[in-house]
């Protein structure tokens, strides 16, 4: 793991670059949708949370992950079919990143970065633009 500087603006620029952000969404969706059926079940999402959505944070308890998954399905499974499709997944990741960006504002924080994590990609995206 590496350490990198992160601001809300870094995340906003990453999200606003639709091509780059959508490529990440597609990649992460394929990782979690291991079956390739085009939808992520609650169980698949709960397993995925530990693997890529919040890799830069401390490990969460199984109960906490399950509560988060319940909340995610309530909020993002718009058609209530028991699966998060690609579009719903993109909305989920966008909302997570926007919330982080708003929380950070202009404050620079140093974060531990997983090499394939979204925060790492946002910082790399900003570095490539400079």
N, C-alpha and C. Protein backbone atom coordinates (compact mmCIF):
# COMPACT_ATOMS: atom_id res chain seq x y z
N UNK A 1 0.83 -1.19 0.00
CA UNK A 1 0.00 0.00 0.00
C UNK A 1 0.87 1.24 0.00
N UNK A 2 0.36 2.27 -0.65
CA UNK A 2 1.03 3.55 -0.70
C UNK A 2 0.19 4.58 0.05
N UNK A 3 0.77 5.75 0.24
CA UNK A 3 0.07 6.87 0.84
C UNK A 3 0.00 7.97 -0.21
N UNK A 4 -1.17 8.65 -0.29
CA UNK A 4 -1.30 9.73 -1.26
C UNK A 4 -2.17 10.84 -0.74
N UNK A 5 -1.98 12.06 -1.27
CA UNK A 5 -2.80 13.20 -0.86
C UNK A 5 -4.15 13.19 -1.59
N UNK A 6 -5.20 13.49 -0.87
CA UNK A 6 -6.54 13.45 -1.45
C UNK A 6 -7.32 14.68 -1.02
N UNK A 7 -8.03 15.29 -1.97
CA UNK A 7 -8.94 16.40 -1.67
C UNK A 7 -10.28 16.11 -2.34
N UNK A 8 -11.28 16.88 -1.97
CA UNK A 8 -12.57 16.76 -2.62
C UNK A 8 -12.49 17.06 -4.10
N UNK A 9 -11.65 18.02 -4.47
CA UNK A 9 -11.49 18.39 -5.88
C UNK A 9 -10.90 17.23 -6.69
N UNK A 10 -9.98 16.50 -6.09
CA UNK A 10 -9.42 15.32 -6.75
C UNK A 10 -10.53 14.35 -7.12
N UNK A 11 -11.41 14.08 -6.17
CA UNK A 11 -12.52 13.14 -6.42
C UNK A 11 -13.50 13.70 -7.43
N UNK A 12 -13.81 14.99 -7.34
CA UNK A 12 -14.77 15.59 -8.27
C UNK A 12 -14.25 15.52 -9.71
N UNK A 13 -12.99 15.82 -9.92
CA UNK A 13 -12.42 15.76 -11.27
C UNK A 13 -12.46 14.34 -11.82
N UNK A 14 -12.22 13.37 -10.94
CA UNK A 14 -12.26 11.96 -11.34
C UNK A 14 -13.68 11.57 -11.76
N UNK A 15 -14.67 11.95 -10.99
CA UNK A 15 -16.06 11.63 -11.29
C UNK A 15 -16.51 12.35 -12.56
N UNK A 16 -16.11 13.58 -12.72
CA UNK A 16 -16.53 14.39 -13.87
C UNK A 16 -15.95 13.90 -15.19
N UNK A 17 -14.83 13.21 -15.15
CA UNK A 17 -14.27 12.63 -16.37
C UNK A 17 -15.04 11.34 -16.64
N UNK A 18 -16.14 11.48 -17.38
CA UNK A 18 -17.08 10.38 -17.56
C UNK A 18 -16.44 9.12 -18.12
N UNK A 19 -15.55 9.26 -19.09
CA UNK A 19 -14.93 8.08 -19.69
C UNK A 19 -14.10 7.30 -18.66
N UNK A 20 -13.26 8.01 -17.93
CA UNK A 20 -12.40 7.36 -16.94
C UNK A 20 -13.24 6.74 -15.83
N UNK A 21 -14.21 7.51 -15.32
CA UNK A 21 -15.02 7.00 -14.22
C UNK A 21 -15.86 5.80 -14.66
N UNK A 22 -16.48 5.90 -15.83
CA UNK A 22 -17.31 4.79 -16.32
C UNK A 22 -16.48 3.54 -16.58
N UNK A 23 -15.25 3.70 -17.04
CA UNK A 23 -14.37 2.54 -17.21
C UNK A 23 -14.11 1.85 -15.87
N UNK A 24 -13.89 2.65 -14.82
CA UNK A 24 -13.70 2.07 -13.49
C UNK A 24 -14.97 1.36 -13.02
N UNK A 25 -16.11 2.01 -13.21
CA UNK A 25 -17.39 1.40 -12.82
C UNK A 25 -17.55 0.06 -13.53
N UNK A 26 -17.30 0.03 -14.83
CA UNK A 26 -17.44 -1.22 -15.59
C UNK A 26 -16.50 -2.30 -15.06
N UNK A 27 -15.27 -1.91 -14.79
CA UNK A 27 -14.28 -2.88 -14.29
C UNK A 27 -14.70 -3.45 -12.93
N UNK A 28 -15.11 -2.58 -12.03
CA UNK A 28 -15.51 -3.03 -10.70
C UNK A 28 -16.80 -3.86 -10.76
N UNK A 29 -17.71 -3.47 -11.64
CA UNK A 29 -18.95 -4.24 -11.78
C UNK A 29 -18.63 -5.67 -12.23
N UNK A 30 -17.73 -5.79 -13.19
CA UNK A 30 -17.36 -7.13 -13.67
C UNK A 30 -16.70 -7.96 -12.57
N UNK A 31 -15.92 -7.31 -11.72
CA UNK A 31 -15.29 -8.04 -10.61
C UNK A 31 -16.31 -8.61 -9.65
N UNK A 32 -17.31 -7.80 -9.33
CA UNK A 32 -18.30 -8.25 -8.35
C UNK A 32 -19.31 -9.20 -8.99
N UNK A 33 -19.67 -8.95 -10.24
CA UNK A 33 -20.60 -9.81 -10.97
C UNK A 33 -19.84 -11.00 -11.54
N UNK A 34 -19.29 -11.79 -10.63
CA UNK A 34 -18.43 -12.91 -11.03
C UNK A 34 -19.17 -13.91 -11.93
N UNK A 35 -20.48 -14.00 -11.77
CA UNK A 35 -21.25 -14.94 -12.58
C UNK A 35 -21.44 -14.44 -14.00
N UNK A 36 -21.25 -13.14 -14.22
CA UNK A 36 -21.43 -12.57 -15.56
C UNK A 36 -22.87 -12.45 -15.99
N UNK A 37 -23.80 -12.49 -15.04
CA UNK A 37 -25.23 -12.44 -15.37
C UNK A 37 -25.77 -11.02 -15.51
N UNK A 38 -24.93 -10.03 -15.26
CA UNK A 38 -25.38 -8.64 -15.44
C UNK A 38 -26.08 -8.07 -14.23
N UNK A 39 -25.97 -8.73 -13.10
CA UNK A 39 -26.57 -8.23 -11.88
C UNK A 39 -25.80 -8.72 -10.67
N UNK A 40 -25.82 -7.90 -9.62
CA UNK A 40 -25.10 -8.24 -8.40
C UNK A 40 -26.12 -8.53 -7.30
N UNK A 41 -26.08 -9.74 -6.78
CA UNK A 41 -26.99 -10.10 -5.69
C UNK A 41 -26.49 -9.47 -4.40
N UNK A 42 -27.33 -9.52 -3.39
CA UNK A 42 -26.96 -8.98 -2.08
C UNK A 42 -25.70 -9.68 -1.56
N UNK A 43 -25.65 -11.01 -1.67
CA UNK A 43 -24.49 -11.76 -1.19
C UNK A 43 -23.22 -11.37 -1.95
N UNK A 44 -23.32 -11.22 -3.27
CA UNK A 44 -22.16 -10.84 -4.07
C UNK A 44 -21.68 -9.44 -3.68
N UNK A 45 -22.63 -8.53 -3.43
CA UNK A 45 -22.26 -7.17 -3.04
C UNK A 45 -21.56 -7.17 -1.70
N UNK A 46 -22.10 -7.93 -0.73
CA UNK A 46 -21.47 -7.99 0.60
C UNK A 46 -20.05 -8.53 0.51
N UNK A 47 -19.83 -9.52 -0.33
CA UNK A 47 -18.48 -10.05 -0.52
C UNK A 47 -17.59 -9.01 -1.17
N UNK A 48 -18.13 -8.25 -2.12
CA UNK A 48 -17.37 -7.23 -2.83
C UNK A 48 -16.97 -6.05 -1.98
N UNK A 49 -17.78 -5.72 -0.97
CA UNK A 49 -17.45 -4.58 -0.13
C UNK A 49 -16.10 -4.74 0.52
N UNK A 50 -15.78 -5.94 0.95
CA UNK A 50 -14.48 -6.17 1.58
C UNK A 50 -13.34 -6.15 0.59
N UNK A 51 -13.64 -6.31 -0.70
CA UNK A 51 -12.59 -6.45 -1.68
C UNK A 51 -12.22 -5.22 -2.48
N UNK A 52 -13.15 -4.26 -2.63
CA UNK A 52 -12.76 -3.12 -3.46
C UNK A 52 -13.49 -1.83 -3.18
N UNK A 53 -14.68 -1.85 -2.64
CA UNK A 53 -15.40 -0.60 -2.49
C UNK A 53 -14.75 0.26 -1.43
N UNK A 54 -14.32 -0.36 -0.33
CA UNK A 54 -13.67 0.42 0.72
C UNK A 54 -12.33 -0.18 1.13
N UNK A 55 -11.46 -0.50 0.16
CA UNK A 55 -10.21 -1.16 0.53
C UNK A 55 -9.28 -0.29 1.35
N UNK A 56 -9.43 1.04 1.26
CA UNK A 56 -8.53 1.93 1.97
C UNK A 56 -8.95 2.11 3.43
N UNK A 57 -10.10 1.57 3.82
CA UNK A 57 -10.55 1.72 5.20
C UNK A 57 -10.24 0.47 6.00
N UNK A 58 -10.47 0.56 7.29
CA UNK A 58 -10.22 -0.60 8.15
C UNK A 58 -11.27 -1.67 7.89
N UNK A 59 -10.93 -2.92 8.11
CA UNK A 59 -11.90 -4.00 7.91
C UNK A 59 -13.13 -3.80 8.80
N UNK A 60 -14.29 -4.11 8.24
CA UNK A 60 -15.55 -3.95 8.95
C UNK A 60 -16.06 -5.32 9.41
N UNK A 61 -16.87 -5.32 10.45
CA UNK A 61 -17.45 -6.57 10.93
C UNK A 61 -18.48 -7.07 9.92
N UNK A 62 -18.75 -8.35 9.97
CA UNK A 62 -19.73 -8.94 9.06
C UNK A 62 -21.10 -8.29 9.26
N UNK A 63 -21.46 -8.01 10.49
CA UNK A 63 -22.75 -7.38 10.78
C UNK A 63 -22.84 -5.99 10.17
N UNK A 64 -21.75 -5.23 10.27
CA UNK A 64 -21.75 -3.88 9.71
C UNK A 64 -21.84 -3.93 8.19
N UNK A 65 -21.12 -4.85 7.57
CA UNK A 65 -21.19 -5.00 6.12
C UNK A 65 -22.60 -5.38 5.70
N UNK A 66 -23.25 -6.26 6.44
CA UNK A 66 -24.62 -6.65 6.11
C UNK A 66 -25.59 -5.48 6.23
N UNK A 67 -25.41 -4.63 7.25
CA UNK A 67 -26.26 -3.43 7.39
C UNK A 67 -26.06 -2.49 6.21
N UNK A 68 -24.81 -2.33 5.80
CA UNK A 68 -24.53 -1.46 4.65
C UNK A 68 -25.17 -2.05 3.40
N UNK A 69 -25.06 -3.35 3.20
CA UNK A 69 -25.67 -3.99 2.02
C UNK A 69 -27.18 -3.82 2.02
N UNK A 70 -27.81 -3.96 3.17
CA UNK A 70 -29.26 -3.74 3.26
C UNK A 70 -29.61 -2.33 2.83
N UNK A 71 -28.84 -1.37 3.32
CA UNK A 71 -29.09 0.04 2.98
C UNK A 71 -28.87 0.28 1.49
N UNK A 72 -27.81 -0.30 0.94
CA UNK A 72 -27.52 -0.14 -0.48
C UNK A 72 -28.68 -0.68 -1.32
N UNK A 73 -29.17 -1.85 -0.97
CA UNK A 73 -30.26 -2.42 -1.77
C UNK A 73 -31.54 -1.60 -1.63
N UNK A 74 -31.81 -1.09 -0.45
CA UNK A 74 -32.98 -0.22 -0.27
C UNK A 74 -32.88 1.01 -1.16
N UNK A 75 -31.70 1.58 -1.22
CA UNK A 75 -31.51 2.85 -1.93
C UNK A 75 -31.28 2.69 -3.43
N UNK A 76 -30.56 1.66 -3.85
CA UNK A 76 -30.10 1.60 -5.24
C UNK A 76 -30.75 0.54 -6.10
N UNK A 77 -31.41 -0.46 -5.53
CA UNK A 77 -32.10 -1.46 -6.35
C UNK A 77 -33.45 -0.87 -6.76
N UNK A 78 -33.39 0.06 -7.71
CA UNK A 78 -34.57 0.85 -8.11
C UNK A 78 -35.73 -0.01 -8.60
N UNK A 79 -35.44 -1.08 -9.34
CA UNK A 79 -36.52 -1.92 -9.86
C UNK A 79 -36.92 -3.04 -8.91
N UNK A 80 -36.28 -3.09 -7.74
CA UNK A 80 -36.61 -4.05 -6.68
C UNK A 80 -36.62 -5.50 -7.17
N UNK A 81 -35.64 -5.83 -8.03
CA UNK A 81 -35.57 -7.20 -8.54
C UNK A 81 -34.57 -8.06 -7.78
N UNK A 82 -33.97 -7.50 -6.72
CA UNK A 82 -33.03 -8.26 -5.91
C UNK A 82 -31.62 -8.27 -6.45
N UNK A 83 -31.36 -7.50 -7.49
CA UNK A 83 -30.03 -7.38 -8.08
C UNK A 83 -29.71 -5.93 -8.35
N UNK A 84 -28.45 -5.59 -8.21
CA UNK A 84 -27.96 -4.27 -8.59
C UNK A 84 -27.40 -4.41 -10.00
N UNK A 85 -28.02 -3.73 -10.97
CA UNK A 85 -27.51 -3.82 -12.34
C UNK A 85 -26.40 -2.80 -12.55
N UNK A 86 -25.84 -2.77 -13.73
CA UNK A 86 -24.69 -1.92 -14.03
C UNK A 86 -25.01 -0.44 -13.77
N UNK A 87 -26.16 0.03 -14.20
CA UNK A 87 -26.54 1.42 -13.99
C UNK A 87 -26.70 1.76 -12.52
N UNK A 88 -27.35 0.87 -11.78
CA UNK A 88 -27.54 1.07 -10.34
C UNK A 88 -26.20 1.08 -9.61
N UNK A 89 -25.29 0.20 -10.05
CA UNK A 89 -23.96 0.12 -9.46
C UNK A 89 -23.18 1.42 -9.71
N UNK A 90 -23.29 1.95 -10.92
CA UNK A 90 -22.63 3.22 -11.23
C UNK A 90 -23.15 4.35 -10.36
N UNK A 91 -24.47 4.37 -10.12
CA UNK A 91 -25.06 5.38 -9.24
C UNK A 91 -24.53 5.23 -7.82
N UNK A 92 -24.38 4.01 -7.37
CA UNK A 92 -23.85 3.73 -6.03
C UNK A 92 -22.43 4.27 -5.89
N UNK A 93 -21.56 3.91 -6.81
CA UNK A 93 -20.16 4.37 -6.72
C UNK A 93 -20.07 5.89 -6.84
N UNK A 94 -20.86 6.47 -7.73
CA UNK A 94 -20.86 7.93 -7.89
C UNK A 94 -21.28 8.61 -6.58
N UNK A 95 -22.32 8.11 -5.96
CA UNK A 95 -22.81 8.71 -4.72
C UNK A 95 -21.78 8.58 -3.59
N UNK A 96 -21.12 7.44 -3.51
CA UNK A 96 -20.08 7.25 -2.49
C UNK A 96 -18.95 8.26 -2.70
N UNK A 97 -18.51 8.39 -3.94
CA UNK A 97 -17.40 9.30 -4.24
C UNK A 97 -17.80 10.76 -4.02
N UNK A 98 -19.03 11.12 -4.40
CA UNK A 98 -19.50 12.50 -4.19
C UNK A 98 -19.59 12.83 -2.70
N UNK A 99 -20.07 11.88 -1.91
CA UNK A 99 -20.15 12.10 -0.46
C UNK A 99 -18.76 12.31 0.13
N UNK A 100 -17.82 11.52 -0.33
CA UNK A 100 -16.44 11.68 0.15
C UNK A 100 -15.89 13.04 -0.27
N UNK A 101 -16.15 13.44 -1.51
CA UNK A 101 -15.66 14.73 -2.00
C UNK A 101 -16.24 15.88 -1.19
N UNK A 102 -17.53 15.82 -0.92
CA UNK A 102 -18.17 16.87 -0.12
C UNK A 102 -17.63 16.90 1.29
N UNK A 103 -17.39 15.74 1.86
CA UNK A 103 -16.85 15.67 3.21
C UNK A 103 -15.44 16.23 3.31
N UNK A 104 -14.64 15.99 2.29
CA UNK A 104 -13.26 16.47 2.29
C UNK A 104 -13.16 17.96 1.99
N UNK A 105 -13.98 18.43 1.07
CA UNK A 105 -13.89 19.83 0.66
C UNK A 105 -12.49 20.12 0.14
N UNK A 106 -11.90 21.22 0.60
CA UNK A 106 -10.56 21.61 0.17
C UNK A 106 -9.46 21.08 1.07
N UNK A 107 -9.83 20.33 2.08
CA UNK A 107 -8.85 19.79 3.02
C UNK A 107 -8.01 18.71 2.33
N UNK A 108 -6.71 18.78 2.51
CA UNK A 108 -5.82 17.75 1.98
C UNK A 108 -5.60 16.72 3.09
N UNK A 109 -5.91 15.47 2.77
CA UNK A 109 -5.67 14.39 3.72
C UNK A 109 -4.77 13.35 3.06
N UNK A 110 -3.95 12.73 3.86
CA UNK A 110 -3.14 11.62 3.37
C UNK A 110 -3.89 10.33 3.65
N UNK A 111 -4.05 9.51 2.61
CA UNK A 111 -4.79 8.27 2.76
C UNK A 111 -3.92 7.10 2.32
N UNK A 112 -4.14 5.96 2.97
CA UNK A 112 -3.52 4.72 2.51
C UNK A 112 -4.26 4.27 1.27
N UNK A 113 -3.52 3.88 0.26
CA UNK A 113 -4.11 3.55 -1.03
C UNK A 113 -3.87 2.11 -1.42
N UNK A 114 -4.93 1.42 -1.74
CA UNK A 114 -4.85 0.12 -2.35
C UNK A 114 -4.55 0.36 -3.82
N UNK A 115 -3.72 -0.43 -4.41
CA UNK A 115 -3.27 -0.18 -5.78
C UNK A 115 -4.44 -0.14 -6.78
N UNK A 116 -5.50 -0.90 -6.56
CA UNK A 116 -6.64 -0.92 -7.47
C UNK A 116 -7.86 -0.19 -6.92
N UNK A 117 -7.70 0.52 -5.80
CA UNK A 117 -8.83 1.20 -5.19
C UNK A 117 -9.26 2.45 -5.95
N UNK A 118 -10.50 2.84 -5.76
CA UNK A 118 -11.03 4.02 -6.43
C UNK A 118 -10.28 5.29 -6.03
N UNK A 119 -9.91 5.40 -4.76
CA UNK A 119 -9.18 6.59 -4.32
C UNK A 119 -7.82 6.66 -5.00
N UNK A 120 -7.17 5.53 -5.11
CA UNK A 120 -5.88 5.47 -5.80
C UNK A 120 -6.02 5.90 -7.25
N UNK A 121 -7.07 5.44 -7.89
CA UNK A 121 -7.28 5.81 -9.29
C UNK A 121 -7.60 7.29 -9.45
N UNK A 122 -8.34 7.84 -8.49
CA UNK A 122 -8.64 9.27 -8.54
C UNK A 122 -7.36 10.10 -8.43
N UNK A 123 -6.48 9.71 -7.52
CA UNK A 123 -5.21 10.43 -7.35
C UNK A 123 -4.34 10.27 -8.60
N UNK A 124 -4.28 9.08 -9.16
CA UNK A 124 -3.50 8.86 -10.39
C UNK A 124 -4.08 9.69 -11.53
N UNK A 125 -5.40 9.78 -11.61
CA UNK A 125 -6.05 10.57 -12.64
C UNK A 125 -5.64 12.03 -12.54
N UNK A 126 -5.66 12.55 -11.31
CA UNK A 126 -5.27 13.94 -11.11
C UNK A 126 -3.79 14.15 -11.46
N UNK A 127 -2.94 13.23 -11.06
CA UNK A 127 -1.50 13.35 -11.34
C UNK A 127 -1.23 13.33 -12.84
N UNK A 128 -1.99 12.55 -13.58
CA UNK A 128 -1.80 12.45 -15.03
C UNK A 128 -2.21 13.74 -15.72
N UNK A 129 -3.11 14.50 -15.12
CA UNK A 129 -3.61 15.74 -15.73
C UNK A 129 -2.63 16.90 -15.52
N UNK A 130 -1.75 16.78 -14.55
CA UNK A 130 -0.83 17.89 -14.22
C UNK A 130 0.31 17.98 -15.20
